[in-house]
Amino acid sequence: MISDVLHDAGDEIRRYMNEMPEVYVNHRQRIKLLLDDMDTLRIQLDTPPGDHPTVEQ
Protein backbone atom coordinates (compact mmCIF):
# COMPACT_ATOMS: atom_id res chain seq x y z
CA MET A 1 0.00 0.00 0.00
CA ILE A 2 1.09 3.54 -0.66
CA SER A 3 0.53 4.44 2.99
CA ASP A 4 3.11 1.80 3.99
CA VAL A 5 5.63 3.20 1.50
CA LEU A 6 5.04 6.74 2.81
CA HIS A 7 5.51 5.54 6.39
CA ASP A 8 8.74 3.71 5.61
CA ALA A 9 10.12 6.58 3.54
CA GLY A 10 9.27 9.08 6.28
CA ASP A 11 11.03 6.94 8.87
CA GLU A 12 14.13 6.69 6.69
CA ILE A 13 14.22 10.42 5.98
CA ARG A 14 13.83 11.23 9.69
CA ARG A 15 16.53 8.72 10.62
CA TYR A 16 18.92 10.18 8.07
CA MET A 17 18.18 13.75 9.19
CA ASN A 18 18.87 12.78 12.81
CA GLU A 19 22.09 10.92 12.03
CA MET A 20 23.49 13.58 9.71
CA PRO A 21 21.72 16.87 10.50
CA GLU A 22 24.44 18.98 8.90
CA VAL A 23 24.00 17.51 5.41
CA TYR A 24 20.77 19.23 4.39
CA VAL A 25 20.79 22.28 6.66
CA ASN A 26 19.70 24.57 3.82
CA HIS A 27 16.76 22.31 2.96
CA ARG A 28 15.60 21.32 6.44
CA GLN A 29 12.39 23.41 6.40
CA ARG A 30 11.38 22.13 2.97
CA ILE A 31 12.04 18.53 4.03
CA LYS A 32 9.91 19.07 7.15
CA LEU A 33 7.05 20.35 4.99
CA LEU A 34 7.41 17.31 2.73
CA LEU A 35 7.30 14.96 5.73
CA ASP A 36 4.20 16.74 7.06
CA ASP A 37 2.49 16.31 3.67
CA MET A 38 3.50 12.65 3.53
CA ASP A 39 2.08 12.06 7.02
CA THR A 40 -1.17 13.85 6.14
CA LEU A 41 -1.66 11.80 3.00
CA ARG A 42 -0.78 8.57 4.80
CA ILE A 43 -3.40 9.27 7.48
CA GLN A 44 -5.99 10.09 4.83
CA LEU A 45 -5.23 6.86 2.96
CA ASP A 46 -5.54 4.85 6.18
CA THR A 47 -8.84 6.46 7.22
CA PRO A 48 -12.05 4.92 5.87
CA PRO A 49 -14.09 7.13 3.52
CA GLY A 50 -16.49 9.44 5.29
CA ASP A 51 -14.44 9.53 8.51
CA HIS A 52 -12.46 12.63 7.57
CA PRO A 53 -13.03 15.80 5.56
CA THR A 54 -11.58 16.02 2.07
CA VAL A 55 -8.47 18.19 1.91
CA GLU A 56 -8.30 20.36 -1.19
CA GLN A 57 -4.95 21.00 -2.82
PDB file of N, CA and C in Angstrom:
ATOM      1  N   MET A   1       0.825  -1.177   0.000  1.00  0.00           N
ATOM      2  CA  MET A   1       0.000   0.000   0.000  1.00  0.00           C
ATOM      3  C   MET A   1       0.875   1.249   0.000  1.00  0.00           C
ATOM      4  N   ILE A   2       0.348   2.293  -0.606  1.00  0.00           N
ATOM      5  CA  ILE A   2       1.093   3.545  -0.662  1.00  0.00           C
ATOM      6  C   ILE A   2       1.325   4.093   0.743  1.00  0.00           C
ATOM      7  N   SER A   3       0.353   3.925   1.632  1.00  0.00           N
ATOM      8  CA  SER A   3       0.529   4.441   2.995  1.00  0.00           C
ATOM      9  C   SER A   3       1.718   3.768   3.689  1.00  0.00           C
ATOM     10  N   ASP A   4       1.946   2.498   3.416  1.00  0.00           N
ATOM     11  CA  ASP A   4       3.106   1.802   3.986  1.00  0.00           C
ATOM     12  C   ASP A   4       4.416   2.365   3.426  1.00  0.00           C
ATOM     13  N   VAL A   5       4.428   2.636   2.139  1.00  0.00           N
ATOM     14  CA  VAL A   5       5.627   3.204   1.505  1.00  0.00           C
ATOM     15  C   VAL A   5       5.912   4.591   2.072  1.00  0.00           C
ATOM     16  N   LEU A   6       4.861   5.406   2.235  1.00  0.00           N
ATOM     17  CA  LEU A   6       5.043   6.737   2.812  1.00  0.00           C
ATOM     18  C   LEU A   6       5.575   6.653   4.242  1.00  0.00           C
ATOM     19  N   HIS A   7       5.043   5.724   5.003  1.00  0.00           N
ATOM     20  CA  HIS A   7       5.507   5.536   6.387  1.00  0.00           C
ATOM     21  C   HIS A   7       6.978   5.157   6.421  1.00  0.00           C
ATOM     22  N   ASP A   8       7.350   4.167   5.632  1.00  0.00           N
ATOM     23  CA  ASP A   8       8.737   3.706   5.613  1.00  0.00           C
ATOM     24  C   ASP A   8       9.687   4.798   5.121  1.00  0.00           C
ATOM     25  N   ALA A   9       9.277   5.507   4.077  1.00  0.00           N
ATOM     26  CA  ALA A   9      10.117   6.580   3.540  1.00  0.00           C
ATOM     27  C   ALA A   9      10.283   7.692   4.577  1.00  0.00           C
ATOM     28  N   GLY A  10       9.198   8.054   5.247  1.00  0.00           N
ATOM     29  CA  GLY A  10       9.272   9.083   6.279  1.00  0.00           C
ATOM     30  C   GLY A  10      10.209   8.679   7.404  1.00  0.00           C
ATOM     31  N   ASP A  11      10.128   7.432   7.831  1.00  0.00           N
ATOM     32  CA  ASP A  11      11.031   6.940   8.874  1.00  0.00           C
ATOM     33  C   ASP A  11      12.489   7.027   8.434  1.00  0.00           C
ATOM     34  N   GLU A  12      12.757   6.648   7.203  1.00  0.00           N
ATOM     35  CA  GLU A  12      14.131   6.687   6.686  1.00  0.00           C
ATOM     36  C   GLU A  12      14.648   8.122   6.576  1.00  0.00           C
ATOM     37  N   ILE A  13      13.802   9.018   6.097  1.00  0.00           N
ATOM     38  CA  ILE A  13      14.216  10.423   5.981  1.00  0.00           C
ATOM     39  C   ILE A  13      14.498  10.992   7.362  1.00  0.00           C
ATOM     40  N   ARG A  14      13.620  10.721   8.324  1.00  0.00           N
ATOM     41  CA  ARG A  14      13.833  11.228   9.687  1.00  0.00           C
ATOM     42  C   ARG A  14      15.100  10.639  10.305  1.00  0.00           C
ATOM     43  N   ARG A  15      15.326   9.360  10.087  1.00  0.00           N
ATOM     44  CA  ARG A  15      16.534   8.722  10.618  1.00  0.00           C
ATOM     45  C   ARG A  15      17.778   9.378  10.034  1.00  0.00           C
ATOM     46  N   TYR A  16      17.777   9.572   8.740  1.00  0.00           N
ATOM     47  CA  TYR A  16      18.918  10.184   8.072  1.00  0.00           C
ATOM     48  C   TYR A  16      19.136  11.609   8.574  1.00  0.00           C
ATOM     49  N   MET A  17      18.057  12.371   8.719  1.00  0.00           N
ATOM     50  CA  MET A  17      18.180  13.751   9.189  1.00  0.00           C
ATOM     51  C   MET A  17      18.710  13.808  10.619  1.00  0.00           C
ATOM     52  N   ASN A  18      18.361  12.819  11.440  1.00  0.00           N
ATOM     53  CA  ASN A  18      18.866  12.784  12.810  1.00  0.00           C
ATOM     54  C   ASN A  18      20.318  12.350  12.876  1.00  0.00           C
ATOM     55  N   GLU A  19      20.711  11.429  12.017  1.00  0.00           N
ATOM     56  CA  GLU A  19      22.085  10.925  12.028  1.00  0.00           C
ATOM     57  C   GLU A  19      23.073  11.902  11.404  1.00  0.00           C
ATOM     58  N   MET A  20      22.605  12.662  10.415  1.00  0.00           N
ATOM     59  CA  MET A  20      23.492  13.576   9.708  1.00  0.00           C
ATOM     60  C   MET A  20      22.799  14.933   9.508  1.00  0.00           C
ATOM     61  N   PRO A  21      22.502  15.636  10.600  1.00  0.00           N
ATOM     62  CA  PRO A  21      21.722  16.869  10.501  1.00  0.00           C
ATOM     63  C   PRO A  21      22.404  17.979   9.704  1.00  0.00           C
ATOM     64  N   GLU A  22      23.708  17.919   9.585  1.00  0.00           N
ATOM     65  CA  GLU A  22      24.438  18.984   8.895  1.00  0.00           C
ATOM     66  C   GLU A  22      24.375  18.882   7.371  1.00  0.00           C
ATOM     67  N   VAL A  23      23.955  17.740   6.854  1.00  0.00           N
ATOM     68  CA  VAL A  23      24.003  17.512   5.408  1.00  0.00           C
ATOM     69  C   VAL A  23      23.015  18.386   4.644  1.00  0.00           C
ATOM     70  N   TYR A  24      21.794  18.483   5.117  1.00  0.00           N
ATOM     71  CA  TYR A  24      20.766  19.228   4.388  1.00  0.00           C
ATOM     72  C   TYR A  24      20.260  20.429   5.179  1.00  0.00           C
ATOM     73  N   VAL A  25      21.154  21.135   5.834  1.00  0.00           N
ATOM     74  CA  VAL A  25      20.785  22.278   6.665  1.00  0.00           C
ATOM     75  C   VAL A  25      19.968  23.290   5.862  1.00  0.00           C
ATOM     76  N   ASN A  26      20.378  23.554   4.636  1.00  0.00           N
ATOM     77  CA  ASN A  26      19.703  24.568   3.816  1.00  0.00           C
ATOM     78  C   ASN A  26      18.330  24.121   3.321  1.00  0.00           C
ATOM     79  N   HIS A  27      18.024  22.847   3.456  1.00  0.00           N
ATOM     80  CA  HIS A  27      16.761  22.312   2.963  1.00  0.00           C
ATOM     81  C   HIS A  27      15.879  21.759   4.077  1.00  0.00           C
ATOM     82  N   ARG A  28      16.295  21.927   5.309  1.00  0.00           N
ATOM     83  CA  ARG A  28      15.596  21.316   6.442  1.00  0.00           C
ATOM     84  C   ARG A  28      14.115  21.709   6.495  1.00  0.00           C
ATOM     85  N   GLN A  29      13.788  22.978   6.316  1.00  0.00           N
ATOM     86  CA  GLN A  29      12.393  23.413   6.404  1.00  0.00           C
ATOM     87  C   GLN A  29      11.562  22.785   5.286  1.00  0.00           C
ATOM     88  N   ARG A  30      12.111  22.734   4.093  1.00  0.00           N
ATOM     89  CA  ARG A  30      11.377  22.133   2.967  1.00  0.00           C
ATOM     90  C   ARG A  30      11.160  20.632   3.191  1.00  0.00           C
ATOM     91  N   ILE A  31      12.166  19.963   3.735  1.00  0.00           N
ATOM     92  CA  ILE A  31      12.038  18.532   4.032  1.00  0.00           C
ATOM     93  C   ILE A  31      10.974  18.312   5.103  1.00  0.00           C
ATOM     94  N   LYS A  32      10.938  19.189   6.116  1.00  0.00           N
ATOM     95  CA  LYS A  32       9.910  19.070   7.151  1.00  0.00           C
ATOM     96  C   LYS A  32       8.516  19.215   6.548  1.00  0.00           C
ATOM     97  N   LEU A  33       8.340  20.178   5.646  1.00  0.00           N
ATOM     98  CA  LEU A  33       7.045  20.354   4.990  1.00  0.00           C
ATOM     99  C   LEU A  33       6.674  19.101   4.182  1.00  0.00           C
ATOM    100  N   LEU A  34       7.643  18.527   3.495  1.00  0.00           N
ATOM    101  CA  LEU A  34       7.408  17.306   2.731  1.00  0.00           C
ATOM    102  C   LEU A  34       6.966  16.172   3.659  1.00  0.00           C
ATOM    103  N   LEU A  35       7.660  16.005   4.776  1.00  0.00           N
ATOM    104  CA  LEU A  35       7.301  14.962   5.732  1.00  0.00           C
ATOM    105  C   LEU A  35       5.895  15.185   6.291  1.00  0.00           C
ATOM    106  N   ASP A  36       5.558  16.437   6.568  1.00  0.00           N
ATOM    107  CA  ASP A  36       4.203  16.743   7.055  1.00  0.00           C
ATOM    108  C   ASP A  36       3.160  16.349   6.010  1.00  0.00           C
ATOM    109  N   ASP A  37       3.421  16.675   4.742  1.00  0.00           N
ATOM    110  CA  ASP A  37       2.487  16.308   3.667  1.00  0.00           C
ATOM    111  C   ASP A  37       2.380  14.796   3.521  1.00  0.00           C
ATOM    112  N   MET A  38       3.513  14.105   3.623  1.00  0.00           N
ATOM    113  CA  MET A  38       3.500  12.650   3.528  1.00  0.00           C
ATOM    114  C   MET A  38       2.673  12.048   4.653  1.00  0.00           C
ATOM    115  N   ASP A  39       2.837  12.568   5.877  1.00  0.00           N
ATOM    116  CA  ASP A  39       2.076  12.065   7.025  1.00  0.00           C
ATOM    117  C   ASP A  39       0.582  12.329   6.848  1.00  0.00           C
ATOM    118  N   THR A  40       0.239  13.514   6.355  1.00  0.00           N
ATOM    119  CA  THR A  40      -1.166  13.853   6.141  1.00  0.00           C
ATOM    120  C   THR A  40      -1.802  12.915   5.122  1.00  0.00           C
ATOM    121  N   LEU A  41      -1.125  12.694   4.021  1.00  0.00           N
ATOM    122  CA  LEU A  41      -1.659  11.798   2.998  1.00  0.00           C
ATOM    123  C   LEU A  41      -1.759  10.373   3.515  1.00  0.00           C
ATOM    124  N   ARG A  42      -0.760   9.933   4.247  1.00  0.00           N
ATOM    125  CA  ARG A  42      -0.779   8.573   4.802  1.00  0.00           C
ATOM    126  C   ARG A  42      -1.979   8.382   5.715  1.00  0.00           C
ATOM    127  N   ILE A  43      -2.250   9.347   6.571  1.00  0.00           N
ATOM    128  CA  ILE A  43      -3.397   9.266   7.477  1.00  0.00           C
ATOM    129  C   ILE A  43      -4.698   9.244   6.682  1.00  0.00           C
ATOM    130  N   GLN A  44      -4.780  10.075   5.656  1.00  0.00           N
ATOM    131  CA  GLN A  44      -5.988  10.089   4.827  1.00  0.00           C
ATOM    132  C   GLN A  44      -6.196   8.745   4.140  1.00  0.00           C
ATOM    133  N   LEU A  45      -5.121   8.156   3.635  1.00  0.00           N
ATOM    134  CA  LEU A  45      -5.231   6.864   2.960  1.00  0.00           C
ATOM    135  C   LEU A  45      -5.631   5.747   3.922  1.00  0.00           C
ATOM    136  N   ASP A  46      -5.238   5.877   5.184  1.00  0.00           N
ATOM    137  CA  ASP A  46      -5.540   4.848   6.180  1.00  0.00           C
ATOM    138  C   ASP A  46      -6.893   5.046   6.859  1.00  0.00           C
ATOM    139  N   THR A  47      -7.553   6.164   6.595  1.00  0.00           N
ATOM    140  CA  THR A  47      -8.837   6.463   7.215  1.00  0.00           C
ATOM    141  C   THR A  47      -9.964   6.078   6.260  1.00  0.00           C
ATOM    142  N   PRO A  48     -10.935   5.317   6.739  1.00  0.00           N
ATOM    143  CA  PRO A  48     -12.047   4.918   5.872  1.00  0.00           C
ATOM    144  C   PRO A  48     -12.794   6.136   5.318  1.00  0.00           C
ATOM    145  N   PRO A  49     -13.334   6.027   4.115  1.00  0.00           N
ATOM    146  CA  PRO A  49     -14.088   7.130   3.520  1.00  0.00           C
ATOM    147  C   PRO A  49     -15.217   7.583   4.445  1.00  0.00           C
ATOM    148  N   GLY A  50     -15.429   8.882   4.477  1.00  0.00           N
ATOM    149  CA  GLY A  50     -16.492   9.440   5.293  1.00  0.00           C
ATOM    150  C   GLY A  50     -16.088   9.746   6.723  1.00  0.00           C
ATOM    151  N   ASP A  51     -14.897   9.280   7.145  1.00  0.00           N
ATOM    152  CA  ASP A  51     -14.441   9.532   8.511  1.00  0.00           C
ATOM    153  C   ASP A  51     -13.570  10.767   8.641  1.00  0.00           C
ATOM    154  N   HIS A  52     -13.258  11.424   7.524  1.00  0.00           N
ATOM    155  CA  HIS A  52     -12.459  12.634   7.572  1.00  0.00           C
ATOM    156  C   HIS A  52     -12.861  13.560   6.418  1.00  0.00           C
ATOM    157  N   PRO A  53     -12.681  14.863   6.627  1.00  0.00           N
ATOM    158  CA  PRO A  53     -13.035  15.796   5.556  1.00  0.00           C
ATOM    159  C   PRO A  53     -12.023  15.719   4.420  1.00  0.00           C
ATOM    160  N   THR A  54     -12.466  15.998   3.218  1.00  0.00           N
ATOM    161  CA  THR A  54     -11.583  16.018   2.066  1.00  0.00           C
ATOM    162  C   THR A  54     -10.697  17.256   2.151  1.00  0.00           C
ATOM    163  N   VAL A  55      -9.408  17.086   1.922  1.00  0.00           N
ATOM    164  CA  VAL A  55      -8.468  18.194   1.910  1.00  0.00           C
ATOM    165  C   VAL A  55      -8.236  18.602   0.475  1.00  0.00           C
ATOM    166  N   GLU A  56      -8.512  19.865   0.168  1.00  0.00           N
ATOM    167  CA  GLU A  56      -8.304  20.359  -1.186  1.00  0.00           C
ATOM    168  C   GLU A  56      -6.881  20.821  -1.359  1.00  0.00           C
ATOM    169  N   GLN A  57      -6.322  20.572  -2.519  1.00  0.00           N
ATOM    170  CA  GLN A  57      -4.950  21.001  -2.824  1.00  0.00           C
ATOM    171  C   GLN A  57      -4.955  22.165  -3.766  1.00  0.00           C
TER     172      GLN A  57
END
